[in-house]
Amino acid sequence: MARPREFDQDEAVEKAMHAFWAHGYEATSLDDLCAAMGIGRSSLYHSFGSKRELLFAALDKYDEVNVKPYIQRALDRPGDVRAAIAALFEIAIERIIDKGDRRGCFLGNCAAELASDDPDAASRVAAGLARIEARIYRRLVTAQADGELAADRDVRALARFVTSSLQGLRIFGKAQANRAALKDIAKTALACLS
């Protein structure tokens, strides 16, 4: 008879996510992960298979608890599309400046560290970025249908540009938590919606 798990797997993945996000994949050892998650190596291997599989679960968790609610909070607010997209940038700037969160985007960090050498990691990161882009795209399509954007605007290209601008802002914020500079980046990105 198998022993029941003695830990909350979902909570453990979230703790692993924070460890990977703070230190990166390579710099986060198995001992670091076990300490953060409050489990032993055998439980980690039994539940997740490997450090790499745990990273992939952590990326999924990041989308669930950090990206999706953040994007929804901004894009679902009433008002025009420019105000909704501005809210995406405002929330990112608030996290960097007011909350002191200079870890950057976990997806972006994984892209920088792993995507060039690990096709599976690249695929996971690409899927996460595609979900962000898709959420922005849907809001832009609605705005175009409502006449907020000209009919000839390429909303797919705009969604990609906004997504990459958000990623760039988060990277810039890791190195330089300068509110005025971050606001300049947001203002310039928002100009594409005019």
N, C-alpha and C. Protein backbone atom coordinates (compact mmCIF):
# COMPACT_ATOMS: atom_id res chain seq x y z
N MET A 1 0.84 -1.19 0.00
CA MET A 1 0.00 0.00 0.00
C MET A 1 0.89 1.25 0.00
N ALA A 2 0.60 2.17 -0.88
CA ALA A 2 1.40 3.39 -1.01
C ALA A 2 1.13 4.33 0.16
N ARG A 3 2.19 4.99 0.60
CA ARG A 3 2.03 6.00 1.65
C ARG A 3 1.37 7.23 1.07
N PRO A 4 0.43 7.82 1.79
CA PRO A 4 -0.19 9.05 1.29
C PRO A 4 0.82 10.20 1.31
N ARG A 5 0.66 11.13 0.40
CA ARG A 5 1.53 12.31 0.40
C ARG A 5 1.32 13.09 1.69
N GLU A 6 2.42 13.59 2.23
CA GLU A 6 2.34 14.31 3.49
C GLU A 6 2.51 15.81 3.29
N PHE A 7 2.31 16.28 2.06
CA PHE A 7 2.44 17.70 1.78
C PHE A 7 1.45 18.09 0.71
N ASP A 8 1.15 19.37 0.67
CA ASP A 8 0.25 19.91 -0.35
C ASP A 8 1.06 20.16 -1.61
N GLN A 9 0.83 19.37 -2.63
CA GLN A 9 1.63 19.43 -3.85
C GLN A 9 1.50 20.80 -4.53
N ASP A 10 0.31 21.35 -4.53
CA ASP A 10 0.10 22.65 -5.17
C ASP A 10 0.89 23.75 -4.45
N GLU A 11 0.87 23.71 -3.14
CA GLU A 11 1.63 24.68 -2.34
C GLU A 11 3.13 24.49 -2.55
N ALA A 12 3.55 23.25 -2.66
CA ALA A 12 4.97 22.95 -2.87
C ALA A 12 5.45 23.51 -4.21
N VAL A 13 4.62 23.38 -5.24
CA VAL A 13 4.98 23.91 -6.56
C VAL A 13 5.11 25.43 -6.50
N GLU A 14 4.20 26.06 -5.77
CA GLU A 14 4.29 27.52 -5.65
C GLU A 14 5.57 27.95 -4.93
N LYS A 15 5.96 27.21 -3.92
CA LYS A 15 7.21 27.52 -3.21
C LYS A 15 8.42 27.29 -4.13
N ALA A 16 8.37 26.24 -4.92
CA ALA A 16 9.44 25.99 -5.89
C ALA A 16 9.50 27.11 -6.92
N MET A 17 8.33 27.57 -7.35
CA MET A 17 8.27 28.67 -8.30
C MET A 17 9.03 29.89 -7.76
N HIS A 18 8.78 30.23 -6.52
CA HIS A 18 9.46 31.39 -5.93
C HIS A 18 10.96 31.17 -5.82
N ALA A 19 11.38 29.96 -5.53
CA ALA A 19 12.82 29.66 -5.46
C ALA A 19 13.46 29.81 -6.83
N PHE A 20 12.86 29.20 -7.85
CA PHE A 20 13.39 29.32 -9.21
C PHE A 20 13.37 30.79 -9.68
N TRP A 21 12.29 31.48 -9.38
CA TRP A 21 12.12 32.87 -9.82
C TRP A 21 13.19 33.76 -9.20
N ALA A 22 13.50 33.53 -7.95
CA ALA A 22 14.48 34.36 -7.25
C ALA A 22 15.91 34.08 -7.67
N HIS A 23 16.22 32.81 -7.97
CA HIS A 23 17.62 32.43 -8.17
C HIS A 23 17.96 31.90 -9.56
N GLY A 24 16.96 31.53 -10.34
CA GLY A 24 17.20 30.91 -11.64
C GLY A 24 17.24 29.40 -11.52
N TYR A 25 17.15 28.75 -12.64
CA TYR A 25 17.10 27.29 -12.66
C TYR A 25 18.42 26.66 -12.19
N GLU A 26 19.51 27.04 -12.83
CA GLU A 26 20.80 26.42 -12.53
C GLU A 26 21.26 26.71 -11.10
N ALA A 27 21.02 27.93 -10.62
CA ALA A 27 21.51 28.32 -9.29
C ALA A 27 20.64 27.77 -8.16
N THR A 28 19.47 27.24 -8.48
CA THR A 28 18.60 26.66 -7.45
C THR A 28 18.89 25.17 -7.36
N SER A 29 19.53 24.77 -6.29
CA SER A 29 19.91 23.37 -6.13
C SER A 29 18.71 22.53 -5.66
N LEU A 30 18.87 21.23 -5.73
CA LEU A 30 17.83 20.34 -5.19
C LEU A 30 17.65 20.57 -3.70
N ASP A 31 18.75 20.83 -3.00
CA ASP A 31 18.65 21.12 -1.56
C ASP A 31 17.87 22.40 -1.33
N ASP A 32 18.10 23.42 -2.17
CA ASP A 32 17.35 24.67 -2.06
C ASP A 32 15.85 24.42 -2.26
N LEU A 33 15.55 23.62 -3.28
CA LEU A 33 14.15 23.32 -3.58
C LEU A 33 13.49 22.54 -2.44
N CYS A 34 14.18 21.54 -1.95
CA CYS A 34 13.62 20.73 -0.86
C CYS A 34 13.38 21.59 0.38
N ALA A 35 14.33 22.47 0.68
CA ALA A 35 14.18 23.37 1.84
C ALA A 35 12.99 24.31 1.63
N ALA A 36 12.89 24.88 0.45
CA ALA A 36 11.80 25.81 0.17
C ALA A 36 10.44 25.12 0.23
N MET A 37 10.39 23.89 -0.27
CA MET A 37 9.14 23.16 -0.35
C MET A 37 8.80 22.40 0.92
N GLY A 38 9.80 22.23 1.79
CA GLY A 38 9.59 21.50 3.02
C GLY A 38 9.42 20.00 2.81
N ILE A 39 10.13 19.46 1.81
CA ILE A 39 10.03 18.03 1.51
C ILE A 39 11.44 17.47 1.30
N GLY A 40 11.55 16.15 1.30
CA GLY A 40 12.82 15.49 1.03
C GLY A 40 12.97 15.21 -0.46
N ARG A 41 14.19 14.83 -0.83
CA ARG A 41 14.47 14.53 -2.24
C ARG A 41 13.59 13.42 -2.80
N SER A 42 13.38 12.39 -2.00
CA SER A 42 12.58 11.27 -2.50
C SER A 42 11.15 11.72 -2.80
N SER A 43 10.60 12.61 -1.98
CA SER A 43 9.25 13.15 -2.24
C SER A 43 9.25 14.01 -3.49
N LEU A 44 10.31 14.79 -3.67
CA LEU A 44 10.42 15.63 -4.87
C LEU A 44 10.44 14.74 -6.11
N TYR A 45 11.31 13.74 -6.11
CA TYR A 45 11.41 12.85 -7.28
C TYR A 45 10.13 12.06 -7.50
N HIS A 46 9.53 11.57 -6.40
CA HIS A 46 8.31 10.77 -6.52
C HIS A 46 7.15 11.61 -7.07
N SER A 47 7.04 12.85 -6.61
CA SER A 47 5.91 13.70 -6.99
C SER A 47 6.10 14.42 -8.32
N PHE A 48 7.34 14.80 -8.63
CA PHE A 48 7.58 15.66 -9.79
C PHE A 48 8.48 15.03 -10.84
N GLY A 49 9.17 13.98 -10.52
CA GLY A 49 10.01 13.29 -11.48
C GLY A 49 11.43 13.80 -11.54
N SER A 50 11.59 15.11 -11.68
CA SER A 50 12.92 15.70 -11.80
C SER A 50 12.84 17.19 -11.51
N LYS A 51 13.99 17.77 -11.35
CA LYS A 51 14.08 19.23 -11.15
C LYS A 51 13.49 19.95 -12.36
N ARG A 52 13.78 19.44 -13.54
CA ARG A 52 13.30 20.06 -14.78
C ARG A 52 11.77 20.01 -14.87
N GLU A 53 11.19 18.87 -14.53
CA GLU A 53 9.73 18.74 -14.55
C GLU A 53 9.10 19.65 -13.49
N LEU A 54 9.78 19.81 -12.36
CA LEU A 54 9.31 20.73 -11.33
C LEU A 54 9.34 22.16 -11.86
N LEU A 55 10.37 22.51 -12.60
CA LEU A 55 10.43 23.84 -13.21
C LEU A 55 9.22 24.05 -14.12
N PHE A 56 8.89 23.06 -14.93
CA PHE A 56 7.76 23.20 -15.85
C PHE A 56 6.44 23.36 -15.08
N ALA A 57 6.30 22.64 -13.98
CA ALA A 57 5.12 22.81 -13.13
C ALA A 57 5.10 24.21 -12.52
N ALA A 58 6.28 24.71 -12.16
CA ALA A 58 6.39 26.06 -11.59
C ALA A 58 6.02 27.13 -12.63
N LEU A 59 6.39 26.91 -13.88
CA LEU A 59 6.01 27.86 -14.94
C LEU A 59 4.49 27.88 -15.11
N ASP A 60 3.87 26.71 -15.06
CA ASP A 60 2.40 26.66 -15.14
C ASP A 60 1.77 27.37 -13.95
N LYS A 61 2.34 27.17 -12.78
CA LYS A 61 1.83 27.83 -11.58
C LYS A 61 1.98 29.35 -11.68
N TYR A 62 3.09 29.81 -12.25
CA TYR A 62 3.33 31.24 -12.44
C TYR A 62 2.21 31.85 -13.28
N ASP A 63 1.84 31.17 -14.35
CA ASP A 63 0.75 31.67 -15.20
C ASP A 63 -0.54 31.73 -14.39
N GLU A 64 -0.80 30.71 -13.63
CA GLU A 64 -2.06 30.61 -12.88
C GLU A 64 -2.18 31.67 -11.79
N VAL A 65 -1.11 31.87 -11.00
CA VAL A 65 -1.23 32.75 -9.83
C VAL A 65 -0.70 34.17 -10.04
N ASN A 66 0.14 34.37 -11.05
CA ASN A 66 0.71 35.71 -11.25
C ASN A 66 0.27 36.36 -12.55
N VAL A 67 0.36 35.64 -13.64
CA VAL A 67 0.10 36.27 -14.94
C VAL A 67 -1.39 36.44 -15.20
N LYS A 68 -2.12 35.37 -15.15
CA LYS A 68 -3.54 35.43 -15.50
C LYS A 68 -4.32 36.45 -14.68
N PRO A 69 -4.20 36.45 -13.33
CA PRO A 69 -4.95 37.46 -12.56
C PRO A 69 -4.50 38.89 -12.86
N TYR A 70 -3.22 39.09 -13.07
CA TYR A 70 -2.68 40.42 -13.37
C TYR A 70 -3.22 40.92 -14.71
N ILE A 71 -3.20 40.07 -15.71
CA ILE A 71 -3.70 40.45 -17.03
C ILE A 71 -5.20 40.71 -16.97
N GLN A 72 -5.93 39.83 -16.31
CA GLN A 72 -7.38 40.01 -16.21
C GLN A 72 -7.74 41.28 -15.47
N ARG A 73 -7.04 41.55 -14.37
CA ARG A 73 -7.33 42.75 -13.58
C ARG A 73 -7.20 44.01 -14.43
N ALA A 74 -6.21 44.03 -15.30
CA ALA A 74 -6.00 45.20 -16.15
C ALA A 74 -6.97 45.22 -17.33
N LEU A 75 -7.07 44.11 -18.04
CA LEU A 75 -7.83 44.11 -19.29
C LEU A 75 -9.34 44.05 -19.11
N ASP A 76 -9.81 43.57 -17.96
CA ASP A 76 -11.25 43.47 -17.73
C ASP A 76 -11.86 44.73 -17.13
N ARG A 77 -11.02 45.72 -16.85
CA ARG A 77 -11.57 46.94 -16.27
C ARG A 77 -12.37 47.70 -17.32
N PRO A 78 -13.37 48.44 -16.87
CA PRO A 78 -14.15 49.23 -17.84
C PRO A 78 -13.30 50.36 -18.42
N GLY A 79 -13.70 50.81 -19.57
CA GLY A 79 -12.98 51.90 -20.22
C GLY A 79 -12.41 51.47 -21.55
N ASP A 80 -11.73 52.39 -22.16
CA ASP A 80 -11.20 52.10 -23.49
C ASP A 80 -9.97 51.22 -23.42
N VAL A 81 -9.56 50.72 -24.58
CA VAL A 81 -8.46 49.77 -24.65
C VAL A 81 -7.14 50.41 -24.21
N ARG A 82 -6.97 51.68 -24.51
CA ARG A 82 -5.73 52.36 -24.13
C ARG A 82 -5.59 52.38 -22.60
N ALA A 83 -6.70 52.63 -21.91
CA ALA A 83 -6.67 52.63 -20.44
C ALA A 83 -6.38 51.22 -19.90
N ALA A 84 -6.92 50.20 -20.56
CA ALA A 84 -6.69 48.82 -20.12
C ALA A 84 -5.22 48.44 -20.31
N ILE A 85 -4.65 48.77 -21.46
CA ILE A 85 -3.25 48.45 -21.70
C ILE A 85 -2.35 49.29 -20.78
N ALA A 86 -2.73 50.54 -20.57
CA ALA A 86 -1.97 51.39 -19.63
C ALA A 86 -1.95 50.75 -18.25
N ALA A 87 -3.06 50.12 -17.85
CA ALA A 87 -3.13 49.47 -16.55
C ALA A 87 -2.14 48.31 -16.46
N LEU A 88 -1.92 47.59 -17.56
CA LEU A 88 -0.91 46.52 -17.55
C LEU A 88 0.45 47.07 -17.16
N PHE A 89 0.81 48.18 -17.80
CA PHE A 89 2.11 48.79 -17.52
C PHE A 89 2.15 49.37 -16.11
N GLU A 90 1.05 50.00 -15.67
CA GLU A 90 1.01 50.59 -14.33
C GLU A 90 1.19 49.53 -13.25
N ILE A 91 0.54 48.38 -13.44
CA ILE A 91 0.66 47.31 -12.45
C ILE A 91 2.11 46.80 -12.41
N ALA A 92 2.72 46.63 -13.58
CA ALA A 92 4.12 46.18 -13.64
C ALA A 92 5.04 47.18 -12.97
N ILE A 93 4.83 48.46 -13.23
CA ILE A 93 5.66 49.51 -12.62
C ILE A 93 5.46 49.53 -11.10
N GLU A 94 4.22 49.39 -10.66
CA GLU A 94 3.93 49.36 -9.23
C GLU A 94 4.66 48.20 -8.55
N ARG A 95 4.66 47.04 -9.19
CA ARG A 95 5.36 45.88 -8.62
C ARG A 95 6.85 46.16 -8.47
N ILE A 96 7.43 46.79 -9.48
CA ILE A 96 8.87 47.06 -9.46
C ILE A 96 9.21 48.14 -8.44
N ILE A 97 8.51 49.27 -8.49
CA ILE A 97 8.85 50.44 -7.68
C ILE A 97 8.27 50.35 -6.27
N ASP A 98 6.96 50.22 -6.17
CA ASP A 98 6.31 50.28 -4.87
C ASP A 98 6.47 49.01 -4.05
N LYS A 99 6.47 47.87 -4.70
CA LYS A 99 6.58 46.60 -3.98
C LYS A 99 8.00 46.06 -3.98
N GLY A 100 8.89 46.71 -4.72
CA GLY A 100 10.29 46.30 -4.73
C GLY A 100 10.55 44.94 -5.37
N ASP A 101 9.64 44.51 -6.24
CA ASP A 101 9.78 43.21 -6.90
C ASP A 101 10.64 43.36 -8.15
N ARG A 102 11.93 43.14 -7.98
CA ARG A 102 12.87 43.31 -9.09
C ARG A 102 13.36 41.97 -9.62
N ARG A 103 12.53 40.94 -9.45
CA ARG A 103 12.89 39.63 -9.97
C ARG A 103 12.64 39.54 -11.47
N GLY A 104 11.92 40.50 -12.03
CA GLY A 104 11.56 40.42 -13.44
C GLY A 104 10.41 39.45 -13.63
N CYS A 105 10.20 39.07 -14.86
CA CYS A 105 9.16 38.10 -15.20
C CYS A 105 9.79 36.71 -15.18
N PHE A 106 9.17 35.78 -14.49
CA PHE A 106 9.70 34.42 -14.40
C PHE A 106 9.82 33.80 -15.80
N LEU A 107 8.84 34.05 -16.66
CA LEU A 107 8.93 33.55 -18.04
C LEU A 107 10.14 34.15 -18.75
N GLY A 108 10.30 35.46 -18.62
CA GLY A 108 11.43 36.13 -19.26
C GLY A 108 12.76 35.64 -18.72
N ASN A 109 12.81 35.42 -17.40
CA ASN A 109 14.05 34.92 -16.80
C ASN A 109 14.38 33.53 -17.35
N CYS A 110 13.38 32.68 -17.47
CA CYS A 110 13.60 31.33 -18.01
C CYS A 110 14.00 31.39 -19.48
N ALA A 111 13.42 32.31 -20.22
CA ALA A 111 13.81 32.47 -21.63
C ALA A 111 15.27 32.84 -21.72
N ALA A 112 15.69 33.80 -20.90
CA ALA A 112 17.08 34.25 -20.95
C ALA A 112 18.05 33.15 -20.53
N GLU A 113 17.67 32.37 -19.53
CA GLU A 113 18.58 31.36 -19.00
C GLU A 113 18.57 30.06 -19.80
N LEU A 114 17.40 29.62 -20.26
CA LEU A 114 17.29 28.25 -20.75
C LEU A 114 16.89 28.09 -22.21
N ALA A 115 16.15 29.03 -22.77
CA ALA A 115 15.49 28.80 -24.05
C ALA A 115 16.44 28.52 -25.20
N SER A 116 17.63 29.08 -25.19
CA SER A 116 18.53 28.87 -26.33
C SER A 116 19.13 27.47 -26.35
N ASP A 117 19.18 26.80 -25.20
CA ASP A 117 19.80 25.47 -25.12
C ASP A 117 18.82 24.33 -24.84
N ASP A 118 17.60 24.66 -24.47
CA ASP A 118 16.64 23.64 -24.06
C ASP A 118 15.33 23.83 -24.83
N PRO A 119 15.12 23.03 -25.87
CA PRO A 119 13.91 23.19 -26.70
C PRO A 119 12.61 23.04 -25.91
N ASP A 120 12.60 22.15 -24.91
CA ASP A 120 11.38 21.99 -24.12
C ASP A 120 11.11 23.23 -23.26
N ALA A 121 12.15 23.79 -22.68
CA ALA A 121 11.99 25.02 -21.91
C ALA A 121 11.56 26.16 -22.83
N ALA A 122 12.17 26.25 -24.00
CA ALA A 122 11.78 27.28 -24.97
C ALA A 122 10.31 27.15 -25.33
N SER A 123 9.87 25.92 -25.53
CA SER A 123 8.47 25.67 -25.88
C SER A 123 7.54 26.11 -24.75
N ARG A 124 7.91 25.80 -23.51
CA ARG A 124 7.09 26.19 -22.35
C ARG A 124 7.02 27.72 -22.22
N VAL A 125 8.16 28.37 -22.38
CA VAL A 125 8.19 29.83 -22.29
C VAL A 125 7.37 30.43 -23.43
N ALA A 126 7.54 29.91 -24.64
CA ALA A 126 6.79 30.42 -25.78
C ALA A 126 5.28 30.27 -25.56
N ALA A 127 4.87 29.15 -24.98
CA ALA A 127 3.45 28.93 -24.70
C ALA A 127 2.94 29.95 -23.67
N GLY A 128 3.75 30.22 -22.65
CA GLY A 128 3.35 31.21 -21.65
C GLY A 128 3.23 32.60 -22.24
N LEU A 129 4.19 32.97 -23.07
CA LEU A 129 4.12 34.29 -23.73
C LEU A 129 2.95 34.34 -24.70
N ALA A 130 2.67 33.23 -25.36
CA ALA A 130 1.53 33.18 -26.29
C ALA A 130 0.21 33.37 -25.55
N ARG A 131 0.11 32.85 -24.32
CA ARG A 131 -1.12 33.06 -23.54
C ARG A 131 -1.29 34.53 -23.17
N ILE A 132 -0.19 35.19 -22.82
CA ILE A 132 -0.27 36.63 -22.53
C ILE A 132 -0.70 37.38 -23.79
N GLU A 133 -0.03 37.08 -24.89
CA GLU A 133 -0.37 37.73 -26.15
C GLU A 133 -1.83 37.50 -26.53
N ALA A 134 -2.32 36.28 -26.34
CA ALA A 134 -3.71 35.95 -26.70
C ALA A 134 -4.70 36.76 -25.87
N ARG A 135 -4.39 36.95 -24.59
CA ARG A 135 -5.29 37.74 -23.73
C ARG A 135 -5.32 39.19 -24.18
N ILE A 136 -4.17 39.73 -24.52
CA ILE A 136 -4.11 41.11 -25.02
C ILE A 136 -4.78 41.20 -26.38
N TYR A 137 -4.53 40.23 -27.24
CA TYR A 137 -5.14 40.20 -28.58
C TYR A 137 -6.66 40.23 -28.49
N ARG A 138 -7.24 39.42 -27.61
CA ARG A 138 -8.71 39.40 -27.49
C ARG A 138 -9.24 40.78 -27.11
N ARG A 139 -8.53 41.47 -26.21
CA ARG A 139 -8.98 42.82 -25.81
C ARG A 139 -8.86 43.79 -26.98
N LEU A 140 -7.80 43.66 -27.77
CA LEU A 140 -7.62 44.54 -28.93
C LEU A 140 -8.65 44.25 -30.01
N VAL A 141 -9.01 42.99 -30.21
CA VAL A 141 -10.04 42.64 -31.20
C VAL A 141 -11.37 43.28 -30.81
N THR A 142 -11.71 43.19 -29.52
CA THR A 142 -12.94 43.82 -29.04
C THR A 142 -12.90 45.32 -29.26
N ALA A 143 -11.75 45.93 -28.97
CA ALA A 143 -11.60 47.37 -29.16
C ALA A 143 -11.76 47.74 -30.64
N GLN A 144 -11.20 46.93 -31.50
CA GLN A 144 -11.32 47.21 -32.94
C GLN A 144 -12.77 47.08 -33.38
N ALA A 145 -13.47 46.07 -32.90
CA ALA A 145 -14.88 45.88 -33.25
C ALA A 145 -15.74 47.04 -32.74
N ASP A 146 -15.32 47.62 -31.60
CA ASP A 146 -16.05 48.76 -31.02
C ASP A 146 -15.65 50.09 -31.64
N GLY A 147 -14.71 50.07 -32.58
CA GLY A 147 -14.28 51.30 -33.25
C GLY A 147 -13.20 52.07 -32.52
N GLU A 148 -12.62 51.51 -31.48
CA GLU A 148 -11.54 52.19 -30.75
C GLU A 148 -10.23 52.15 -31.51
N LEU A 149 -10.06 51.15 -32.34
CA LEU A 149 -8.88 51.02 -33.20
C LEU A 149 -9.35 50.97 -34.64
N ALA A 150 -8.58 51.57 -35.51
CA ALA A 150 -8.93 51.57 -36.94
C ALA A 150 -9.02 50.14 -37.47
N ALA A 151 -9.91 49.93 -38.42
CA ALA A 151 -10.14 48.60 -38.98
C ALA A 151 -8.90 48.03 -39.66
N ASP A 152 -8.01 48.91 -40.14
CA ASP A 152 -6.83 48.42 -40.86
C ASP A 152 -5.63 48.14 -39.93
N ARG A 153 -5.79 48.34 -38.62
CA ARG A 153 -4.70 48.05 -37.69
C ARG A 153 -4.52 46.54 -37.55
N ASP A 154 -3.31 46.09 -37.51
CA ASP A 154 -3.00 44.68 -37.34
C ASP A 154 -2.96 44.39 -35.84
N VAL A 155 -4.09 43.91 -35.31
CA VAL A 155 -4.18 43.72 -33.87
C VAL A 155 -3.28 42.58 -33.39
N ARG A 156 -2.97 41.62 -34.23
CA ARG A 156 -2.04 40.55 -33.83
C ARG A 156 -0.65 41.16 -33.60
N ALA A 157 -0.21 42.01 -34.53
CA ALA A 157 1.09 42.66 -34.37
C ALA A 157 1.10 43.57 -33.15
N LEU A 158 0.00 44.28 -32.90
CA LEU A 158 -0.08 45.14 -31.72
C LEU A 158 0.01 44.31 -30.43
N ALA A 159 -0.67 43.17 -30.41
CA ALA A 159 -0.64 42.31 -29.23
C ALA A 159 0.78 41.81 -28.97
N ARG A 160 1.48 41.44 -30.03
CA ARG A 160 2.87 40.99 -29.88
C ARG A 160 3.75 42.12 -29.37
N PHE A 161 3.54 43.32 -29.91
CA PHE A 161 4.34 44.47 -29.50
C PHE A 161 4.11 44.81 -28.03
N VAL A 162 2.85 44.82 -27.60
CA VAL A 162 2.54 45.12 -26.20
C VAL A 162 3.15 44.06 -25.29
N THR A 163 3.04 42.80 -25.68
CA THR A 163 3.62 41.71 -24.89
C THR A 163 5.13 41.88 -24.75
N SER A 164 5.80 42.15 -25.87
CA SER A 164 7.26 42.31 -25.81
C SER A 164 7.65 43.58 -25.05
N SER A 165 6.85 44.62 -25.13
CA SER A 165 7.13 45.84 -24.38
C SER A 165 7.01 45.61 -22.88
N LEU A 166 6.00 44.85 -22.47
CA LEU A 166 5.86 44.50 -21.05
C LEU A 166 7.06 43.69 -20.57
N GLN A 167 7.49 42.74 -21.39
CA GLN A 167 8.65 41.93 -21.03
C GLN A 167 9.90 42.81 -20.91
N GLY A 168 10.07 43.70 -21.86
CA GLY A 168 11.21 44.61 -21.82
C GLY A 168 11.20 45.51 -20.60
N LEU A 169 10.02 46.00 -20.24
CA LEU A 169 9.89 46.85 -19.05
C LEU A 169 10.30 46.08 -17.80
N ARG A 170 9.88 44.81 -17.70
CA ARG A 170 10.22 44.00 -16.53
C ARG A 170 11.73 43.74 -16.47
N ILE A 171 12.36 43.52 -17.62
CA ILE A 171 13.82 43.32 -17.66
C ILE A 171 14.53 44.61 -17.26
N PHE A 172 14.10 45.73 -17.83
CA PHE A 172 14.68 47.02 -17.50
C PHE A 172 14.55 47.28 -16.00
N GLY A 173 13.39 46.96 -15.43
CA GLY A 173 13.14 47.19 -14.01
C GLY A 173 14.02 46.36 -13.10
N LYS A 174 14.49 45.21 -13.58
CA LYS A 174 15.42 44.40 -12.77
C LYS A 174 16.73 45.16 -12.55
N ALA A 175 17.16 45.86 -13.57
CA ALA A 175 18.45 46.54 -13.51
C ALA A 175 18.33 47.97 -12.99
N GLN A 176 17.19 48.58 -13.24
CA GLN A 176 17.07 50.00 -12.92
C GLN A 176 15.64 50.32 -12.51
N ALA A 177 15.40 50.43 -11.22
CA ALA A 177 14.07 50.74 -10.71
C ALA A 177 13.87 52.25 -10.70
N ASN A 178 13.72 52.81 -11.88
CA ASN A 178 13.57 54.25 -12.06
C ASN A 178 12.16 54.50 -12.61
N ARG A 179 11.28 55.05 -11.76
CA ARG A 179 9.89 55.24 -12.14
C ARG A 179 9.76 56.06 -13.42
N ALA A 180 10.49 57.14 -13.54
CA ALA A 180 10.37 58.00 -14.73
C ALA A 180 10.76 57.24 -16.00
N ALA A 181 11.83 56.47 -15.93
CA ALA A 181 12.27 55.71 -17.10
C ALA A 181 11.24 54.64 -17.46
N LEU A 182 10.70 53.95 -16.46
CA LEU A 182 9.69 52.92 -16.72
C LEU A 182 8.43 53.54 -17.31
N LYS A 183 8.05 54.70 -16.80
CA LYS A 183 6.88 55.38 -17.36
C LYS A 183 7.12 55.82 -18.80
N ASP A 184 8.34 56.21 -19.12
CA ASP A 184 8.67 56.54 -20.51
C ASP A 184 8.48 55.34 -21.43
N ILE A 185 8.91 54.18 -20.97
CA ILE A 185 8.75 52.96 -21.76
C ILE A 185 7.26 52.69 -22.00
N ALA A 186 6.46 52.80 -20.94
CA ALA A 186 5.03 52.57 -21.05
C ALA A 186 4.38 53.59 -21.98
N LYS A 187 4.74 54.85 -21.83
CA LYS A 187 4.16 55.91 -22.67
C LYS A 187 4.47 55.67 -24.14
N THR A 188 5.68 55.29 -24.45
CA THR A 188 6.07 55.05 -25.82
C THR A 188 5.33 53.85 -26.39
N ALA A 189 5.18 52.79 -25.58
CA ALA A 189 4.43 51.60 -26.03
C ALA A 189 2.97 51.95 -26.26
N LEU A 190 2.40 52.75 -25.39
CA LEU A 190 0.98 53.12 -25.54
C LEU A 190 0.73 53.98 -26.78
N ALA A 191 1.75 54.68 -27.23
CA ALA A 191 1.60 55.51 -28.43
C ALA A 191 1.21 54.68 -29.64
N CYS A 192 1.53 53.39 -29.64
CA CYS A 192 1.17 52.54 -30.79
C CYS A 192 -0.32 52.33 -30.90
N LEU A 193 -1.07 52.64 -29.84
CA LEU A 193 -2.51 52.46 -29.86
C LEU A 193 -3.26 53.69 -30.32
N SER A 194 -2.53 54.74 -30.60
CA SER A 194 -3.17 56.01 -31.02
C SER A 194 -3.60 55.95 -32.47
